Amino acid sequence: MAPTVPKARARRALGLLMEAYPGADCALVHRNAWELLCATILSAQCTDRRVNMVTPTLFERFPNAEALAQADPAEVEQIVRSTGFYREKTRSLIEMSQDIVERFSGRVPETMEELTTLRGVARKTANVILGTAFGRNDGVVVDTHVGRLARRLGWSDQSDPVKVERDLMELFPRKLWTALGHTLILHGRTICDARKPRCGECPVAALCPSANLSPTSAPS
């Protein structure tokens, strides 16, 4: 299905949002691509704030892929327990690090095809790494915030993240794909809340077909 608003209107709205959030960037604290990859895996079903509380200890104990590849799972589980689903995340972190060491000489790969062969890495995570760590606009990160805002703004009527991403990639120029994700995520956290969107404070309310609707009637 095509987006429900004209392309020009969508691009105008994005421009206003980018003006409102000029410093929008990835909220996960990291120093390199491998740390970002670890943090993104930990962020599943968890807040970035909680992940940022955990990763300093994780990276101090295991400073690179080589170290984490040889880690005792019980030790890693104890460190990441508060992020939820800690056993599965521990397995992903260790096996991902083993893959990077054994198959990519200790370096995080820089293509979608290679990244998505790593344990715990699907397209959304790969988009985070490619856009934020490597400056490559190969796709749009579609998390719950981006999906919700895309539907509310009429940029997509899809619920499947891959289909939402496809709609966004058709609406906006490639050079904006990474910034688009960061901007929508920040707006979703700041103003366009899932339950109580503050439309009166929204810089794009005049361009949003869902503005001023009650939380129960606005597309989620």
N, C-alpha and C. Protein backbone atom coordinates (compact mmCIF):
# COMPACT_ATOMS: atom_id res chain seq x y z
N MET A 1 0.85 -1.20 0.00
CA MET A 1 0.00 0.00 0.00
C MET A 1 0.88 1.25 0.00
N ALA A 2 0.43 2.28 -0.67
CA ALA A 2 1.18 3.53 -0.75
C ALA A 2 0.93 4.38 0.49
N PRO A 3 1.86 5.29 0.81
CA PRO A 3 1.61 6.24 1.89
C PRO A 3 0.31 7.01 1.63
N THR A 4 -0.33 7.47 2.69
CA THR A 4 -1.64 8.10 2.55
C THR A 4 -1.58 9.62 2.46
N VAL A 5 -0.39 10.20 2.49
CA VAL A 5 -0.25 11.65 2.31
C VAL A 5 0.69 11.90 1.14
N PRO A 6 0.58 13.06 0.48
CA PRO A 6 1.47 13.36 -0.64
C PRO A 6 2.93 13.44 -0.20
N LYS A 7 3.82 13.11 -1.11
CA LYS A 7 5.24 13.11 -0.81
C LYS A 7 5.71 14.50 -0.35
N ALA A 8 5.24 15.55 -1.00
CA ALA A 8 5.68 16.90 -0.64
C ALA A 8 5.30 17.23 0.80
N ARG A 9 4.10 16.81 1.20
CA ARG A 9 3.66 17.07 2.57
C ARG A 9 4.50 16.29 3.57
N ALA A 10 4.80 15.06 3.24
CA ALA A 10 5.62 14.24 4.13
C ALA A 10 7.01 14.84 4.28
N ARG A 11 7.59 15.29 3.19
CA ARG A 11 8.94 15.85 3.25
C ARG A 11 8.95 17.18 4.00
N ARG A 12 7.90 17.94 3.86
CA ARG A 12 7.81 19.19 4.64
C ARG A 12 7.74 18.88 6.12
N ALA A 13 6.96 17.88 6.49
CA ALA A 13 6.84 17.51 7.90
C ALA A 13 8.18 17.03 8.45
N LEU A 14 8.87 16.21 7.68
CA LEU A 14 10.18 15.74 8.14
C LEU A 14 11.14 16.90 8.32
N GLY A 15 11.11 17.86 7.39
CA GLY A 15 11.97 19.02 7.52
C GLY A 15 11.73 19.78 8.81
N LEU A 16 10.47 19.94 9.17
CA LEU A 16 10.13 20.63 10.41
C LEU A 16 10.59 19.84 11.63
N LEU A 17 10.44 18.53 11.56
CA LEU A 17 10.89 17.70 12.68
C LEU A 17 12.41 17.75 12.83
N MET A 18 13.12 17.75 11.72
CA MET A 18 14.57 17.81 11.80
C MET A 18 15.04 19.17 12.32
N GLU A 19 14.29 20.22 12.04
CA GLU A 19 14.60 21.53 12.62
C GLU A 19 14.34 21.52 14.12
N ALA A 20 13.31 20.81 14.54
CA ALA A 20 12.96 20.75 15.97
C ALA A 20 13.96 19.92 16.76
N TYR A 21 14.58 18.94 16.11
CA TYR A 21 15.52 18.05 16.79
C TYR A 21 16.84 18.01 16.01
N PRO A 22 17.57 19.13 15.98
CA PRO A 22 18.79 19.18 15.17
C PRO A 22 19.90 18.25 15.65
N GLY A 23 19.84 17.87 16.90
CA GLY A 23 20.89 17.00 17.44
C GLY A 23 20.48 15.55 17.55
N ALA A 24 19.40 15.15 16.87
CA ALA A 24 18.92 13.77 16.98
C ALA A 24 20.00 12.78 16.56
N ASP A 25 20.26 11.83 17.42
CA ASP A 25 21.31 10.84 17.15
C ASP A 25 20.96 9.58 17.94
N CYS A 26 21.75 8.57 17.74
CA CYS A 26 21.54 7.31 18.46
C CYS A 26 21.77 7.54 19.95
N ALA A 27 20.83 7.07 20.77
CA ALA A 27 20.92 7.28 22.21
C ALA A 27 21.80 6.25 22.91
N LEU A 28 22.18 5.21 22.21
CA LEU A 28 23.02 4.18 22.81
C LEU A 28 24.47 4.65 22.86
N VAL A 29 25.03 4.69 24.04
CA VAL A 29 26.41 5.16 24.21
C VAL A 29 27.37 4.09 23.72
N HIS A 30 28.31 4.49 22.84
CA HIS A 30 29.26 3.55 22.27
C HIS A 30 30.49 4.30 21.77
N ARG A 31 31.58 3.56 21.61
CA ARG A 31 32.83 4.16 21.11
C ARG A 31 33.24 3.60 19.75
N ASN A 32 32.61 2.52 19.34
CA ASN A 32 32.95 1.90 18.06
C ASN A 32 31.79 1.03 17.59
N ALA A 33 31.94 0.46 16.40
CA ALA A 33 30.85 -0.30 15.80
C ALA A 33 30.51 -1.55 16.61
N TRP A 34 31.52 -2.21 17.17
CA TRP A 34 31.25 -3.42 17.94
C TRP A 34 30.46 -3.09 19.22
N GLU A 35 30.84 -2.04 19.91
CA GLU A 35 30.10 -1.65 21.10
C GLU A 35 28.65 -1.28 20.75
N LEU A 36 28.46 -0.59 19.63
CA LEU A 36 27.10 -0.25 19.21
C LEU A 36 26.31 -1.50 18.89
N LEU A 37 26.95 -2.47 18.27
CA LEU A 37 26.28 -3.72 17.94
C LEU A 37 25.84 -4.44 19.21
N CYS A 38 26.73 -4.51 20.19
CA CYS A 38 26.37 -5.13 21.47
C CYS A 38 25.20 -4.39 22.12
N ALA A 39 25.29 -3.07 22.16
CA ALA A 39 24.25 -2.27 22.81
C ALA A 39 22.91 -2.42 22.10
N THR A 40 22.93 -2.50 20.77
CA THR A 40 21.69 -2.63 20.03
C THR A 40 21.04 -3.99 20.28
N ILE A 41 21.84 -5.02 20.36
CA ILE A 41 21.30 -6.35 20.71
C ILE A 41 20.66 -6.31 22.10
N LEU A 42 21.30 -5.65 23.04
CA LEU A 42 20.76 -5.55 24.40
C LEU A 42 19.51 -4.69 24.46
N SER A 43 19.31 -3.80 23.49
CA SER A 43 18.19 -2.86 23.55
C SER A 43 16.84 -3.49 23.19
N ALA A 44 16.84 -4.73 22.70
CA ALA A 44 15.58 -5.39 22.36
C ALA A 44 14.71 -5.52 23.61
N GLN A 45 13.48 -5.00 23.53
CA GLN A 45 12.54 -5.05 24.65
C GLN A 45 13.13 -4.41 25.91
N CYS A 46 13.94 -3.37 25.72
CA CYS A 46 14.58 -2.70 26.85
C CYS A 46 14.82 -1.24 26.47
N THR A 47 14.84 -0.36 27.45
CA THR A 47 15.09 1.05 27.17
C THR A 47 16.57 1.30 26.93
N ASP A 48 16.86 2.31 26.12
CA ASP A 48 18.25 2.69 25.89
C ASP A 48 18.91 3.12 27.20
N ARG A 49 18.14 3.77 28.05
CA ARG A 49 18.69 4.22 29.34
C ARG A 49 19.20 3.04 30.15
N ARG A 50 18.43 1.97 30.20
CA ARG A 50 18.85 0.79 30.95
C ARG A 50 20.09 0.16 30.30
N VAL A 51 20.10 0.08 28.98
CA VAL A 51 21.26 -0.48 28.29
C VAL A 51 22.51 0.33 28.61
N ASN A 52 22.38 1.65 28.61
CA ASN A 52 23.53 2.51 28.90
C ASN A 52 24.03 2.38 30.34
N MET A 53 23.20 1.85 31.21
CA MET A 53 23.63 1.60 32.58
C MET A 53 24.43 0.30 32.68
N VAL A 54 24.19 -0.60 31.74
CA VAL A 54 24.80 -1.92 31.77
C VAL A 54 26.09 -1.99 30.97
N THR A 55 26.13 -1.33 29.83
CA THR A 55 27.27 -1.51 28.92
C THR A 55 28.63 -1.05 29.46
N PRO A 56 28.73 -0.02 30.30
CA PRO A 56 30.07 0.31 30.81
C PRO A 56 30.74 -0.87 31.52
N THR A 57 29.97 -1.60 32.32
CA THR A 57 30.53 -2.77 33.01
C THR A 57 30.86 -3.87 32.01
N LEU A 58 29.98 -4.08 31.05
CA LEU A 58 30.21 -5.12 30.05
C LEU A 58 31.48 -4.84 29.25
N PHE A 59 31.65 -3.59 28.82
CA PHE A 59 32.79 -3.26 27.97
C PHE A 59 34.10 -3.14 28.76
N GLU A 60 34.00 -2.83 30.04
CA GLU A 60 35.21 -2.82 30.87
C GLU A 60 35.73 -4.25 31.05
N ARG A 61 34.79 -5.16 31.25
CA ARG A 61 35.18 -6.57 31.45
C ARG A 61 35.56 -7.25 30.14
N PHE A 62 34.83 -6.91 29.06
CA PHE A 62 35.07 -7.51 27.75
C PHE A 62 35.22 -6.38 26.73
N PRO A 63 36.43 -5.87 26.53
CA PRO A 63 36.63 -4.65 25.75
C PRO A 63 36.56 -4.81 24.24
N ASN A 64 36.48 -6.04 23.75
CA ASN A 64 36.43 -6.24 22.30
C ASN A 64 35.79 -7.59 21.98
N ALA A 65 35.62 -7.83 20.69
CA ALA A 65 34.97 -9.07 20.27
C ALA A 65 35.78 -10.30 20.69
N GLU A 66 37.09 -10.21 20.64
CA GLU A 66 37.93 -11.33 21.02
C GLU A 66 37.69 -11.74 22.47
N ALA A 67 37.57 -10.76 23.35
CA ALA A 67 37.35 -11.05 24.77
C ALA A 67 35.96 -11.63 25.00
N LEU A 68 34.94 -11.04 24.39
CA LEU A 68 33.57 -11.51 24.62
C LEU A 68 33.35 -12.88 23.97
N ALA A 69 34.05 -13.17 22.91
CA ALA A 69 33.92 -14.47 22.24
C ALA A 69 34.32 -15.61 23.16
N GLN A 70 35.18 -15.34 24.14
CA GLN A 70 35.68 -16.37 25.05
C GLN A 70 35.04 -16.27 26.44
N ALA A 71 34.01 -15.45 26.56
CA ALA A 71 33.43 -15.18 27.88
C ALA A 71 32.69 -16.38 28.45
N ASP A 72 32.66 -16.42 29.76
CA ASP A 72 31.82 -17.39 30.48
C ASP A 72 30.38 -16.86 30.42
N PRO A 73 29.45 -17.60 29.83
CA PRO A 73 28.07 -17.11 29.72
C PRO A 73 27.46 -16.68 31.05
N ALA A 74 27.79 -17.36 32.11
CA ALA A 74 27.22 -17.02 33.42
C ALA A 74 27.64 -15.62 33.85
N GLU A 75 28.87 -15.24 33.55
CA GLU A 75 29.34 -13.91 33.91
C GLU A 75 28.64 -12.83 33.09
N VAL A 76 28.48 -13.10 31.80
CA VAL A 76 27.80 -12.14 30.95
C VAL A 76 26.33 -12.01 31.36
N GLU A 77 25.70 -13.12 31.65
CA GLU A 77 24.30 -13.09 32.09
C GLU A 77 24.12 -12.22 33.31
N GLN A 78 25.04 -12.31 34.25
CA GLN A 78 24.94 -11.51 35.47
C GLN A 78 25.03 -10.02 35.16
N ILE A 79 25.87 -9.66 34.20
CA ILE A 79 26.05 -8.25 33.85
C ILE A 79 24.82 -7.69 33.14
N VAL A 80 24.23 -8.47 32.22
CA VAL A 80 23.14 -7.95 31.37
C VAL A 80 21.76 -8.34 31.86
N ARG A 81 21.68 -8.97 33.02
CA ARG A 81 20.41 -9.50 33.52
C ARG A 81 19.29 -8.47 33.53
N SER A 82 19.59 -7.24 33.91
CA SER A 82 18.55 -6.23 34.07
C SER A 82 17.95 -5.75 32.75
N THR A 83 18.53 -6.14 31.61
CA THR A 83 17.98 -5.72 30.32
C THR A 83 16.86 -6.64 29.85
N GLY A 84 16.63 -7.73 30.56
CA GLY A 84 15.58 -8.67 30.17
C GLY A 84 16.06 -9.65 29.13
N PHE A 85 15.41 -10.83 29.10
CA PHE A 85 15.77 -11.88 28.14
C PHE A 85 17.28 -12.11 28.12
N TYR A 86 17.85 -12.09 29.31
CA TYR A 86 19.31 -12.01 29.42
C TYR A 86 20.02 -13.28 28.93
N ARG A 87 19.38 -14.44 29.05
CA ARG A 87 20.04 -15.66 28.56
C ARG A 87 20.16 -15.64 27.04
N GLU A 88 19.07 -15.27 26.36
CA GLU A 88 19.09 -15.20 24.91
C GLU A 88 20.05 -14.11 24.43
N LYS A 89 20.04 -12.97 25.13
CA LYS A 89 20.93 -11.88 24.74
C LYS A 89 22.40 -12.26 24.96
N THR A 90 22.67 -12.96 26.04
CA THR A 90 24.04 -13.42 26.30
C THR A 90 24.51 -14.35 25.19
N ARG A 91 23.66 -15.26 24.81
CA ARG A 91 24.03 -16.18 23.73
C ARG A 91 24.28 -15.42 22.43
N SER A 92 23.44 -14.44 22.14
CA SER A 92 23.62 -13.64 20.93
C SER A 92 24.93 -12.86 20.98
N LEU A 93 25.22 -12.23 22.12
CA LEU A 93 26.44 -11.44 22.25
C LEU A 93 27.69 -12.30 22.05
N ILE A 94 27.71 -13.45 22.68
CA ILE A 94 28.90 -14.30 22.60
C ILE A 94 29.05 -14.90 21.20
N GLU A 95 27.96 -15.42 20.63
CA GLU A 95 28.05 -16.04 19.31
C GLU A 95 28.31 -14.99 18.23
N MET A 96 27.73 -13.79 18.38
CA MET A 96 28.01 -12.71 17.44
C MET A 96 29.48 -12.37 17.48
N SER A 97 30.06 -12.28 18.68
CA SER A 97 31.48 -11.96 18.82
C SER A 97 32.35 -13.07 18.24
N GLN A 98 31.96 -14.31 18.45
CA GLN A 98 32.71 -15.43 17.86
C GLN A 98 32.70 -15.35 16.34
N ASP A 99 31.54 -15.04 15.77
CA ASP A 99 31.45 -14.90 14.31
C ASP A 99 32.36 -13.79 13.80
N ILE A 100 32.36 -12.67 14.51
CA ILE A 100 33.19 -11.54 14.09
C ILE A 100 34.67 -11.91 14.12
N VAL A 101 35.07 -12.64 15.15
CA VAL A 101 36.47 -13.05 15.27
C VAL A 101 36.83 -14.09 14.20
N GLU A 102 35.98 -15.09 14.06
CA GLU A 102 36.32 -16.22 13.19
C GLU A 102 36.10 -15.93 11.71
N ARG A 103 35.09 -15.13 11.40
CA ARG A 103 34.72 -14.94 10.00
C ARG A 103 35.10 -13.57 9.43
N PHE A 104 35.28 -12.58 10.35
CA PHE A 104 35.53 -11.22 9.88
C PHE A 104 36.78 -10.60 10.50
N SER A 105 37.68 -11.45 10.98
CA SER A 105 38.98 -10.99 11.50
C SER A 105 38.85 -9.94 12.60
N GLY A 106 37.80 -10.06 13.41
CA GLY A 106 37.63 -9.18 14.55
C GLY A 106 36.99 -7.84 14.24
N ARG A 107 36.59 -7.61 13.00
CA ARG A 107 35.98 -6.34 12.61
C ARG A 107 34.50 -6.52 12.28
N VAL A 108 33.70 -5.56 12.69
CA VAL A 108 32.27 -5.62 12.38
C VAL A 108 32.10 -5.43 10.87
N PRO A 109 31.39 -6.33 10.20
CA PRO A 109 31.21 -6.19 8.76
C PRO A 109 30.39 -4.95 8.42
N GLU A 110 30.55 -4.46 7.18
CA GLU A 110 29.95 -3.19 6.80
C GLU A 110 28.89 -3.33 5.71
N THR A 111 28.32 -4.52 5.56
CA THR A 111 27.24 -4.68 4.59
C THR A 111 26.04 -5.32 5.26
N MET A 112 24.86 -5.03 4.73
CA MET A 112 23.63 -5.62 5.25
C MET A 112 23.69 -7.14 5.16
N GLU A 113 24.18 -7.64 4.04
CA GLU A 113 24.21 -9.09 3.82
C GLU A 113 25.06 -9.79 4.87
N GLU A 114 26.22 -9.21 5.18
CA GLU A 114 27.11 -9.85 6.15
C GLU A 114 26.62 -9.64 7.58
N LEU A 115 26.16 -8.46 7.89
CA LEU A 115 25.68 -8.20 9.25
C LEU A 115 24.54 -9.12 9.64
N THR A 116 23.63 -9.35 8.74
CA THR A 116 22.45 -10.17 9.08
C THR A 116 22.75 -11.65 9.16
N THR A 117 24.01 -12.05 8.92
CA THR A 117 24.40 -13.44 9.17
C THR A 117 24.85 -13.64 10.60
N LEU A 118 25.04 -12.55 11.33
CA LEU A 118 25.50 -12.63 12.72
C LEU A 118 24.34 -12.99 13.64
N ARG A 119 24.65 -13.72 14.67
CA ARG A 119 23.66 -14.10 15.66
C ARG A 119 23.04 -12.85 16.30
N GLY A 120 21.70 -12.79 16.36
CA GLY A 120 21.01 -11.69 17.03
C GLY A 120 20.88 -10.44 16.19
N VAL A 121 21.28 -10.49 14.92
CA VAL A 121 21.25 -9.29 14.07
C VAL A 121 20.25 -9.48 12.93
N ALA A 122 19.15 -8.75 12.99
CA ALA A 122 18.19 -8.70 11.91
C ALA A 122 18.33 -7.35 11.20
N ARG A 123 17.44 -7.06 10.28
CA ARG A 123 17.58 -5.88 9.45
C ARG A 123 17.60 -4.58 10.27
N LYS A 124 16.74 -4.48 11.29
CA LYS A 124 16.69 -3.24 12.06
C LYS A 124 18.04 -2.98 12.74
N THR A 125 18.60 -3.99 13.37
CA THR A 125 19.89 -3.83 14.03
C THR A 125 20.97 -3.49 13.02
N ALA A 126 20.95 -4.16 11.87
CA ALA A 126 21.94 -3.87 10.83
C ALA A 126 21.82 -2.42 10.36
N ASN A 127 20.61 -1.91 10.23
CA ASN A 127 20.43 -0.51 9.83
C ASN A 127 21.02 0.45 10.85
N VAL A 128 20.89 0.12 12.13
CA VAL A 128 21.47 0.95 13.18
C VAL A 128 22.99 1.02 13.00
N ILE A 129 23.61 -0.13 12.79
CA ILE A 129 25.06 -0.18 12.66
C ILE A 129 25.52 0.54 11.40
N LEU A 130 24.88 0.24 10.29
CA LEU A 130 25.30 0.83 9.02
C LEU A 130 25.15 2.35 9.04
N GLY A 131 24.02 2.83 9.56
CA GLY A 131 23.77 4.26 9.55
C GLY A 131 24.58 5.03 10.57
N THR A 132 24.63 4.52 11.80
CA THR A 132 25.27 5.26 12.89
C THR A 132 26.77 5.04 12.94
N ALA A 133 27.21 3.80 12.80
CA ALA A 133 28.64 3.52 12.92
C ALA A 133 29.41 3.76 11.64
N PHE A 134 28.77 3.51 10.50
CA PHE A 134 29.48 3.57 9.23
C PHE A 134 28.99 4.68 8.30
N GLY A 135 27.97 5.43 8.72
CA GLY A 135 27.48 6.53 7.91
C GLY A 135 26.89 6.12 6.59
N ARG A 136 26.32 4.93 6.53
CA ARG A 136 25.74 4.42 5.29
C ARG A 136 24.22 4.45 5.36
N ASN A 137 23.60 5.09 4.40
CA ASN A 137 22.14 5.15 4.34
C ASN A 137 21.61 4.01 3.48
N ASP A 138 21.69 2.80 4.03
CA ASP A 138 21.22 1.63 3.30
C ASP A 138 19.78 1.27 3.63
N GLY A 139 19.22 1.90 4.65
CA GLY A 139 17.84 1.61 5.04
C GLY A 139 17.42 2.55 6.16
N VAL A 140 16.20 2.33 6.66
CA VAL A 140 15.64 3.14 7.74
C VAL A 140 15.39 2.25 8.94
N VAL A 141 15.86 2.67 10.10
CA VAL A 141 15.57 1.92 11.33
C VAL A 141 14.09 2.09 11.65
N VAL A 142 13.37 0.98 11.75
CA VAL A 142 11.95 1.04 12.10
C VAL A 142 11.75 0.29 13.41
N ASP A 143 11.72 1.05 14.50
CA ASP A 143 11.38 0.46 15.80
C ASP A 143 9.93 0.81 16.10
N THR A 144 9.49 0.61 17.34
CA THR A 144 8.09 0.88 17.67
C THR A 144 7.74 2.35 17.50
N HIS A 145 8.67 3.25 17.84
CA HIS A 145 8.41 4.69 17.69
C HIS A 145 8.25 5.05 16.22
N VAL A 146 9.17 4.60 15.39
CA VAL A 146 9.13 4.95 13.97
C VAL A 146 7.88 4.39 13.31
N GLY A 147 7.54 3.15 13.63
CA GLY A 147 6.33 2.57 13.06
C GLY A 147 5.08 3.33 13.47
N ARG A 148 5.00 3.69 14.75
CA ARG A 148 3.83 4.43 15.25
C ARG A 148 3.72 5.79 14.58
N LEU A 149 4.81 6.53 14.52
CA LEU A 149 4.76 7.87 13.94
C LEU A 149 4.50 7.82 12.44
N ALA A 150 5.07 6.84 11.76
CA ALA A 150 4.83 6.72 10.32
C ALA A 150 3.34 6.53 10.04
N ARG A 151 2.67 5.76 10.86
CA ARG A 151 1.23 5.56 10.66
C ARG A 151 0.44 6.80 11.05
N ARG A 152 0.80 7.43 12.15
CA ARG A 152 0.07 8.63 12.57
C ARG A 152 0.22 9.76 11.57
N LEU A 153 1.39 9.88 10.98
CA LEU A 153 1.65 10.96 10.03
C LEU A 153 1.14 10.66 8.62
N GLY A 154 0.67 9.45 8.43
CA GLY A 154 0.17 9.06 7.12
C GLY A 154 1.27 8.69 6.15
N TRP A 155 2.45 8.39 6.66
CA TRP A 155 3.58 8.02 5.81
C TRP A 155 3.56 6.55 5.44
N SER A 156 2.80 5.78 6.18
CA SER A 156 2.63 4.35 5.90
C SER A 156 1.35 3.89 6.59
N ASP A 157 0.71 2.90 6.02
CA ASP A 157 -0.44 2.30 6.71
C ASP A 157 -0.14 0.85 7.07
N GLN A 158 1.13 0.51 7.09
CA GLN A 158 1.55 -0.86 7.36
C GLN A 158 1.90 -1.05 8.84
N SER A 159 1.80 -2.28 9.30
CA SER A 159 2.23 -2.62 10.65
C SER A 159 3.53 -3.41 10.65
N ASP A 160 3.83 -4.08 9.55
CA ASP A 160 5.07 -4.84 9.43
C ASP A 160 6.24 -3.87 9.24
N PRO A 161 7.27 -3.95 10.10
CA PRO A 161 8.39 -3.00 10.01
C PRO A 161 9.07 -2.97 8.65
N VAL A 162 9.20 -4.10 7.99
CA VAL A 162 9.85 -4.12 6.68
C VAL A 162 9.03 -3.33 5.66
N LYS A 163 7.70 -3.45 5.74
CA LYS A 163 6.84 -2.72 4.81
C LYS A 163 6.80 -1.23 5.15
N VAL A 164 6.85 -0.90 6.44
CA VAL A 164 6.94 0.51 6.84
C VAL A 164 8.23 1.10 6.29
N GLU A 165 9.33 0.37 6.46
CA GLU A 165 10.62 0.85 5.96
C GLU A 165 10.55 1.09 4.46
N ARG A 166 9.92 0.19 3.73
CA ARG A 166 9.83 0.33 2.28
C ARG A 166 9.08 1.61 1.92
N ASP A 167 8.00 1.89 2.65
CA ASP A 167 7.24 3.12 2.39
C ASP A 167 8.08 4.36 2.65
N LEU A 168 8.81 4.35 3.76
CA LEU A 168 9.64 5.51 4.12
C LEU A 168 10.77 5.72 3.11
N MET A 169 11.33 4.64 2.64
CA MET A 169 12.41 4.75 1.65
C MET A 169 11.89 5.30 0.32
N GLU A 170 10.62 5.07 0.02
CA GLU A 170 10.03 5.63 -1.19
C GLU A 170 9.70 7.12 -1.03
N LEU A 171 9.37 7.52 0.20
CA LEU A 171 8.98 8.91 0.44
C LEU A 171 10.15 9.87 0.52
N PHE A 172 11.25 9.42 1.10
CA PHE A 172 12.33 10.34 1.44
C PHE A 172 13.63 9.98 0.72
N PRO A 173 14.45 10.99 0.40
CA PRO A 173 15.71 10.73 -0.29
C PRO A 173 16.67 9.92 0.58
N ARG A 174 17.47 9.13 -0.07
CA ARG A 174 18.38 8.21 0.61
C ARG A 174 19.27 8.91 1.63
N LYS A 175 19.71 10.11 1.32
CA LYS A 175 20.64 10.82 2.21
C LYS A 175 20.03 11.12 3.58
N LEU A 176 18.70 11.02 3.71
CA LEU A 176 18.02 11.34 4.97
C LEU A 176 17.60 10.10 5.76
N TRP A 177 17.85 8.92 5.24
CA TRP A 177 17.30 7.73 5.87
C TRP A 177 17.77 7.54 7.31
N THR A 178 19.05 7.72 7.58
CA THR A 178 19.53 7.54 8.95
C THR A 178 18.99 8.63 9.87
N ALA A 179 19.05 9.88 9.42
CA ALA A 179 18.53 11.00 10.22
C ALA A 179 17.04 10.86 10.45
N LEU A 180 16.32 10.34 9.47
CA LEU A 180 14.88 10.11 9.62
C LEU A 180 14.59 9.23 10.82
N GLY A 181 15.29 8.11 10.92
CA GLY A 181 15.06 7.22 12.05
C GLY A 181 15.36 7.88 13.38
N HIS A 182 16.52 8.54 13.49
CA HIS A 182 16.88 9.20 14.74
C HIS A 182 15.85 10.26 15.13
N THR A 183 15.38 11.01 14.14
CA THR A 183 14.45 12.11 14.41
C THR A 183 13.10 11.59 14.88
N LEU A 184 12.58 10.58 14.21
CA LEU A 184 11.27 10.04 14.61
C LEU A 184 11.35 9.38 15.99
N ILE A 185 12.43 8.69 16.26
CA ILE A 185 12.57 8.05 17.58
C ILE A 185 12.57 9.12 18.68
N LEU A 186 13.31 10.20 18.48
CA LEU A 186 13.36 11.25 19.49
C LEU A 186 12.01 11.94 19.63
N HIS A 187 11.32 12.19 18.52
CA HIS A 187 10.00 12.81 18.59
C HIS A 187 9.01 11.88 19.29
N GLY A 188 9.12 10.60 19.02
CA GLY A 188 8.23 9.64 19.67
C GLY A 188 8.44 9.57 21.17
N ARG A 189 9.68 9.73 21.59
CA ARG A 189 9.97 9.71 23.03
C ARG A 189 9.60 11.03 23.70
N THR A 190 9.69 12.12 22.96
CA THR A 190 9.54 13.45 23.55
C THR A 190 8.11 13.96 23.51
N ILE A 191 7.43 13.83 22.37
CA ILE A 191 6.12 14.44 22.17
C ILE A 191 5.04 13.43 21.79
N CYS A 192 5.32 12.62 20.77
CA CYS A 192 4.29 11.75 20.19
C CYS A 192 4.24 10.41 20.93
N ASP A 193 3.86 10.47 22.18
CA ASP A 193 3.79 9.31 23.04
C ASP A 193 2.74 8.32 22.53
N ALA A 194 2.96 7.05 22.79
CA ALA A 194 2.03 6.03 22.31
C ALA A 194 0.63 6.21 22.88
N ARG A 195 0.53 6.56 24.16
CA ARG A 195 -0.78 6.64 24.80
C ARG A 195 -1.33 8.05 24.85
N LYS A 196 -0.46 9.03 25.06
CA LYS A 196 -0.94 10.41 25.18
C LYS A 196 -0.08 11.36 24.34
N PRO A 197 -0.27 11.32 23.03
CA PRO A 197 0.50 12.26 22.19
C PRO A 197 0.13 13.69 22.51
N ARG A 198 1.14 14.55 22.69
CA ARG A 198 0.91 15.94 23.06
C ARG A 198 0.83 16.79 21.79
N CYS A 199 -0.28 16.67 21.09
CA CYS A 199 -0.43 17.32 19.79
C CYS A 199 -0.29 18.84 19.88
N GLY A 200 -0.67 19.42 21.02
CA GLY A 200 -0.57 20.87 21.18
C GLY A 200 0.86 21.37 21.18
N GLU A 201 1.82 20.48 21.44
CA GLU A 201 3.23 20.85 21.47
C GLU A 201 3.98 20.37 20.23
N CYS A 202 3.28 19.74 19.30
CA CYS A 202 3.94 19.09 18.18
C CYS A 202 4.23 20.08 17.06
N PRO A 203 5.47 20.11 16.55
CA PRO A 203 5.83 21.05 15.49
C PRO A 203 5.22 20.71 14.14
N VAL A 204 4.65 19.52 14.01
CA VAL A 204 4.06 19.14 12.72
C VAL A 204 2.58 18.79 12.84
N ALA A 205 1.94 19.28 13.89
CA ALA A 205 0.52 18.97 14.09
C ALA A 205 -0.33 19.39 12.89
N ALA A 206 0.02 20.53 12.27
CA ALA A 206 -0.76 21.01 11.14
C ALA A 206 -0.65 20.11 9.92
N LEU A 207 0.37 19.26 9.90
CA LEU A 207 0.58 18.36 8.77
C LEU A 207 0.28 16.90 9.11
N CYS A 208 -0.24 16.69 10.30
CA CYS A 208 -0.47 15.33 10.77
C CYS A 208 -1.95 14.98 10.75
N PRO A 209 -2.35 13.97 9.99
CA PRO A 209 -3.77 13.61 9.92
C PRO A 209 -4.32 13.07 11.23
N SER A 210 -3.46 12.71 12.16
CA SER A 210 -3.90 12.19 13.45
C SER A 210 -3.91 13.24 14.55
N ALA A 211 -3.49 14.45 14.26
CA ALA A 211 -3.38 15.47 15.30
C ALA A 211 -4.73 15.75 15.94
N ASN A 212 -4.67 15.97 17.25
CA ASN A 212 -5.83 16.32 18.07
C ASN A 212 -6.84 15.19 18.24
N LEU A 213 -6.53 14.00 17.73
CA LEU A 213 -7.39 12.85 17.99
C LEU A 213 -7.12 12.36 19.39
N SER A 214 -8.09 11.68 19.98
CA SER A 214 -7.89 11.11 21.30
C SER A 214 -6.90 9.98 21.18
N PRO A 215 -6.17 9.66 22.24
CA PRO A 215 -5.21 8.56 22.19
C PRO A 215 -5.83 7.25 21.73
N THR A 216 -7.10 7.03 22.04
CA THR A 216 -7.72 5.77 21.67
C THR A 216 -8.10 5.70 20.21
N SER A 217 -8.29 6.87 19.59
CA SER A 217 -8.69 6.86 18.18
C SER A 217 -7.55 7.14 17.24
N ALA A 218 -6.42 7.65 17.75
CA ALA A 218 -5.26 7.90 16.89
C ALA A 218 -4.63 6.57 16.51
N PRO A 219 -4.14 6.43 15.26
CA PRO A 219 -3.45 5.21 14.88
C PRO A 219 -2.26 4.98 15.78
N SER A 220 -2.05 3.75 16.22
CA SER A 220 -0.97 3.42 17.14
C SER A 220 0.21 2.86 16.41
